[in-house]
Amino acid sequence: MRRPREHGGGNEQNPFCIFCTDEDGNLKSFKEIYEGMVGNFFMPQGMSRKEAEKATADLMSKMPAWKDHF
């Protein structure tokens, strides 16, 4: 994260981003983030569900909060 406002809950010490956390900075569930990335980020770019799932897995597997899920 490059800017303080990109940290969850507006807390610069929070290691998680605003997309993976709720308003208070608490980490959302894996399922919520996974499905959100598939349906709201990758599929609108024209990917099939299968392609979006692969792209999501590739990206999330590199993120500290989610890498152990893959």
N, C-alpha and C. Protein backbone atom coordinates (compact mmCIF):
# COMPACT_ATOMS: atom_id res chain seq x y z
N MET A 1 0.85 -1.16 0.00
CA MET A 1 0.00 0.00 0.00
C MET A 1 0.90 1.23 0.00
N ARG A 2 0.54 2.14 -0.82
CA ARG A 2 1.38 3.32 -1.02
C ARG A 2 0.94 4.52 -0.19
N ARG A 3 -0.33 4.56 0.16
CA ARG A 3 -0.84 5.73 0.88
C ARG A 3 -1.49 5.28 2.19
N PRO A 4 -1.43 6.11 3.22
CA PRO A 4 -2.04 5.76 4.50
C PRO A 4 -3.51 5.39 4.38
N ARG A 5 -4.24 6.08 3.51
CA ARG A 5 -5.68 5.81 3.39
C ARG A 5 -5.99 4.45 2.78
N GLU A 6 -4.99 3.77 2.24
CA GLU A 6 -5.20 2.45 1.64
C GLU A 6 -5.15 1.32 2.68
N HIS A 7 -4.77 1.65 3.90
CA HIS A 7 -4.72 0.66 4.98
C HIS A 7 -6.11 0.51 5.59
N GLY A 8 -6.47 -0.71 5.93
CA GLY A 8 -7.77 -0.99 6.51
C GLY A 8 -8.07 -0.17 7.74
N GLY A 9 -9.29 0.33 7.82
CA GLY A 9 -9.72 1.11 8.97
C GLY A 9 -9.05 2.46 9.10
N GLY A 10 -8.31 2.87 8.08
CA GLY A 10 -7.61 4.13 8.13
C GLY A 10 -6.42 4.13 9.06
N ASN A 11 -5.99 2.93 9.46
CA ASN A 11 -4.88 2.77 10.40
C ASN A 11 -3.62 2.37 9.63
N GLU A 12 -2.64 3.25 9.61
CA GLU A 12 -1.40 2.97 8.88
C GLU A 12 -0.68 1.73 9.38
N GLN A 13 -0.96 1.30 10.60
CA GLN A 13 -0.32 0.11 11.16
C GLN A 13 -1.02 -1.18 10.74
N ASN A 14 -2.20 -1.06 10.15
CA ASN A 14 -2.94 -2.24 9.71
C ASN A 14 -2.25 -2.80 8.46
N PRO A 15 -1.86 -4.08 8.50
CA PRO A 15 -1.17 -4.66 7.36
C PRO A 15 -2.09 -5.04 6.19
N PHE A 16 -3.39 -4.87 6.37
CA PHE A 16 -4.36 -5.25 5.35
C PHE A 16 -4.97 -4.02 4.69
N CYS A 17 -5.32 -4.16 3.42
CA CYS A 17 -5.83 -3.02 2.65
C CYS A 17 -7.32 -2.78 2.89
N ILE A 18 -7.78 -1.66 2.36
CA ILE A 18 -9.18 -1.28 2.53
C ILE A 18 -10.15 -2.23 1.83
N PHE A 19 -9.68 -2.95 0.83
CA PHE A 19 -10.56 -3.87 0.11
C PHE A 19 -10.74 -5.19 0.85
N CYS A 20 -9.76 -5.56 1.66
CA CYS A 20 -9.81 -6.83 2.39
C CYS A 20 -10.32 -6.68 3.81
N THR A 21 -10.67 -5.45 4.21
CA THR A 21 -11.12 -5.20 5.57
C THR A 21 -12.47 -4.50 5.59
N ASP A 22 -13.12 -4.57 6.75
CA ASP A 22 -14.36 -3.83 6.94
C ASP A 22 -14.02 -2.41 7.39
N GLU A 23 -15.03 -1.62 7.71
CA GLU A 23 -14.82 -0.22 8.09
C GLU A 23 -13.92 -0.05 9.31
N ASP A 24 -13.93 -1.06 10.19
CA ASP A 24 -13.12 -0.99 11.41
C ASP A 24 -11.71 -1.53 11.21
N GLY A 25 -11.42 -2.02 10.02
CA GLY A 25 -10.09 -2.55 9.73
C GLY A 25 -9.94 -4.03 9.99
N ASN A 26 -11.04 -4.73 10.30
CA ASN A 26 -11.01 -6.17 10.53
C ASN A 26 -11.02 -6.91 9.19
N LEU A 27 -10.22 -7.94 9.11
CA LEU A 27 -10.12 -8.73 7.89
C LEU A 27 -11.45 -9.40 7.56
N LYS A 28 -11.89 -9.27 6.31
CA LYS A 28 -13.11 -9.94 5.85
C LYS A 28 -12.80 -11.42 5.63
N SER A 29 -13.83 -12.21 5.38
CA SER A 29 -13.63 -13.64 5.17
C SER A 29 -12.98 -13.91 3.81
N PHE A 30 -12.28 -15.02 3.74
CA PHE A 30 -11.66 -15.43 2.49
C PHE A 30 -12.71 -15.53 1.39
N LYS A 31 -13.83 -16.16 1.70
CA LYS A 31 -14.88 -16.37 0.70
C LYS A 31 -15.39 -15.03 0.16
N GLU A 32 -15.60 -14.07 1.03
CA GLU A 32 -16.10 -12.76 0.61
C GLU A 32 -15.12 -12.07 -0.34
N ILE A 33 -13.84 -12.12 -0.01
CA ILE A 33 -12.83 -11.48 -0.85
C ILE A 33 -12.68 -12.24 -2.17
N TYR A 34 -12.63 -13.56 -2.09
CA TYR A 34 -12.47 -14.38 -3.30
C TYR A 34 -13.62 -14.13 -4.27
N GLU A 35 -14.84 -14.25 -3.78
CA GLU A 35 -16.00 -14.07 -4.66
C GLU A 35 -16.08 -12.64 -5.18
N GLY A 36 -15.71 -11.68 -4.35
CA GLY A 36 -15.71 -10.29 -4.79
C GLY A 36 -14.73 -10.05 -5.91
N MET A 37 -13.55 -10.63 -5.81
CA MET A 37 -12.55 -10.45 -6.86
C MET A 37 -12.99 -11.13 -8.15
N VAL A 38 -13.53 -12.32 -8.03
CA VAL A 38 -13.99 -13.04 -9.22
C VAL A 38 -15.10 -12.27 -9.91
N GLY A 39 -16.15 -11.94 -9.16
CA GLY A 39 -17.35 -11.35 -9.76
C GLY A 39 -17.32 -9.86 -10.01
N ASN A 40 -16.55 -9.14 -9.24
CA ASN A 40 -16.58 -7.68 -9.36
C ASN A 40 -15.32 -7.07 -9.96
N PHE A 41 -14.27 -7.85 -10.05
CA PHE A 41 -13.03 -7.31 -10.60
C PHE A 41 -12.66 -7.97 -11.92
N PHE A 42 -12.57 -9.30 -11.93
CA PHE A 42 -12.09 -9.97 -13.14
C PHE A 42 -13.17 -10.24 -14.18
N MET A 43 -14.34 -10.73 -13.79
CA MET A 43 -15.38 -11.04 -14.78
C MET A 43 -15.83 -9.79 -15.55
N PRO A 44 -15.96 -8.63 -14.91
CA PRO A 44 -16.33 -7.44 -15.69
C PRO A 44 -15.29 -7.05 -16.75
N GLN A 45 -14.10 -7.59 -16.64
CA GLN A 45 -13.07 -7.34 -17.65
C GLN A 45 -13.22 -8.27 -18.85
N GLY A 46 -14.28 -9.09 -18.83
CA GLY A 46 -14.56 -9.97 -19.96
C GLY A 46 -14.08 -11.39 -19.78
N MET A 47 -13.62 -11.73 -18.59
CA MET A 47 -13.15 -13.10 -18.34
C MET A 47 -14.33 -14.02 -18.06
N SER A 48 -14.16 -15.29 -18.41
CA SER A 48 -15.14 -16.30 -18.02
C SER A 48 -14.98 -16.54 -16.52
N ARG A 49 -15.93 -17.23 -15.92
CA ARG A 49 -15.84 -17.55 -14.48
C ARG A 49 -14.55 -18.32 -14.21
N LYS A 50 -14.25 -19.31 -15.04
CA LYS A 50 -13.06 -20.13 -14.84
C LYS A 50 -11.78 -19.29 -14.94
N GLU A 51 -11.71 -18.42 -15.92
CA GLU A 51 -10.54 -17.54 -16.07
C GLU A 51 -10.42 -16.59 -14.88
N ALA A 52 -11.56 -16.06 -14.44
CA ALA A 52 -11.56 -15.13 -13.30
C ALA A 52 -11.13 -15.84 -12.02
N GLU A 53 -11.55 -17.09 -11.84
CA GLU A 53 -11.14 -17.84 -10.66
C GLU A 53 -9.63 -18.08 -10.67
N LYS A 54 -9.08 -18.39 -11.83
CA LYS A 54 -7.63 -18.60 -11.92
C LYS A 54 -6.88 -17.30 -11.64
N ALA A 55 -7.33 -16.21 -12.23
CA ALA A 55 -6.67 -14.92 -12.01
C ALA A 55 -6.75 -14.51 -10.54
N THR A 56 -7.90 -14.76 -9.92
CA THR A 56 -8.07 -14.44 -8.51
C THR A 56 -7.13 -15.28 -7.66
N ALA A 57 -7.07 -16.57 -7.93
CA ALA A 57 -6.18 -17.46 -7.17
C ALA A 57 -4.72 -17.04 -7.35
N ASP A 58 -4.35 -16.70 -8.57
CA ASP A 58 -2.97 -16.26 -8.82
C ASP A 58 -2.63 -15.02 -8.01
N LEU A 59 -3.54 -14.06 -7.97
CA LEU A 59 -3.30 -12.82 -7.25
C LEU A 59 -3.35 -13.02 -5.74
N MET A 60 -4.39 -13.68 -5.26
CA MET A 60 -4.55 -13.85 -3.81
C MET A 60 -3.47 -14.73 -3.21
N SER A 61 -2.92 -15.65 -3.98
CA SER A 61 -1.88 -16.54 -3.45
C SER A 61 -0.59 -15.78 -3.14
N LYS A 62 -0.50 -14.55 -3.61
CA LYS A 62 0.68 -13.71 -3.35
C LYS A 62 0.45 -12.74 -2.20
N MET A 63 -0.76 -12.72 -1.68
CA MET A 63 -1.11 -11.78 -0.61
C MET A 63 -0.94 -12.45 0.75
N PRO A 64 -0.26 -11.79 1.69
CA PRO A 64 0.00 -12.40 3.00
C PRO A 64 -1.25 -12.93 3.71
N ALA A 65 -2.35 -12.23 3.61
CA ALA A 65 -3.56 -12.65 4.32
C ALA A 65 -4.19 -13.91 3.74
N TRP A 66 -3.94 -14.19 2.47
CA TRP A 66 -4.66 -15.26 1.78
C TRP A 66 -3.78 -16.38 1.25
N LYS A 67 -2.49 -16.21 1.24
CA LYS A 67 -1.60 -17.18 0.59
C LYS A 67 -1.72 -18.60 1.14
N ASP A 68 -2.10 -18.75 2.40
CA ASP A 68 -2.23 -20.09 2.98
C ASP A 68 -3.50 -20.81 2.55
N HIS A 69 -4.35 -20.16 1.80
CA HIS A 69 -5.59 -20.77 1.32
C HIS A 69 -5.39 -21.50 0.00
N PHE A 70 -4.20 -21.41 -0.56
CA PHE A 70 -3.94 -22.01 -1.87
C PHE A 70 -2.84 -23.03 -1.81
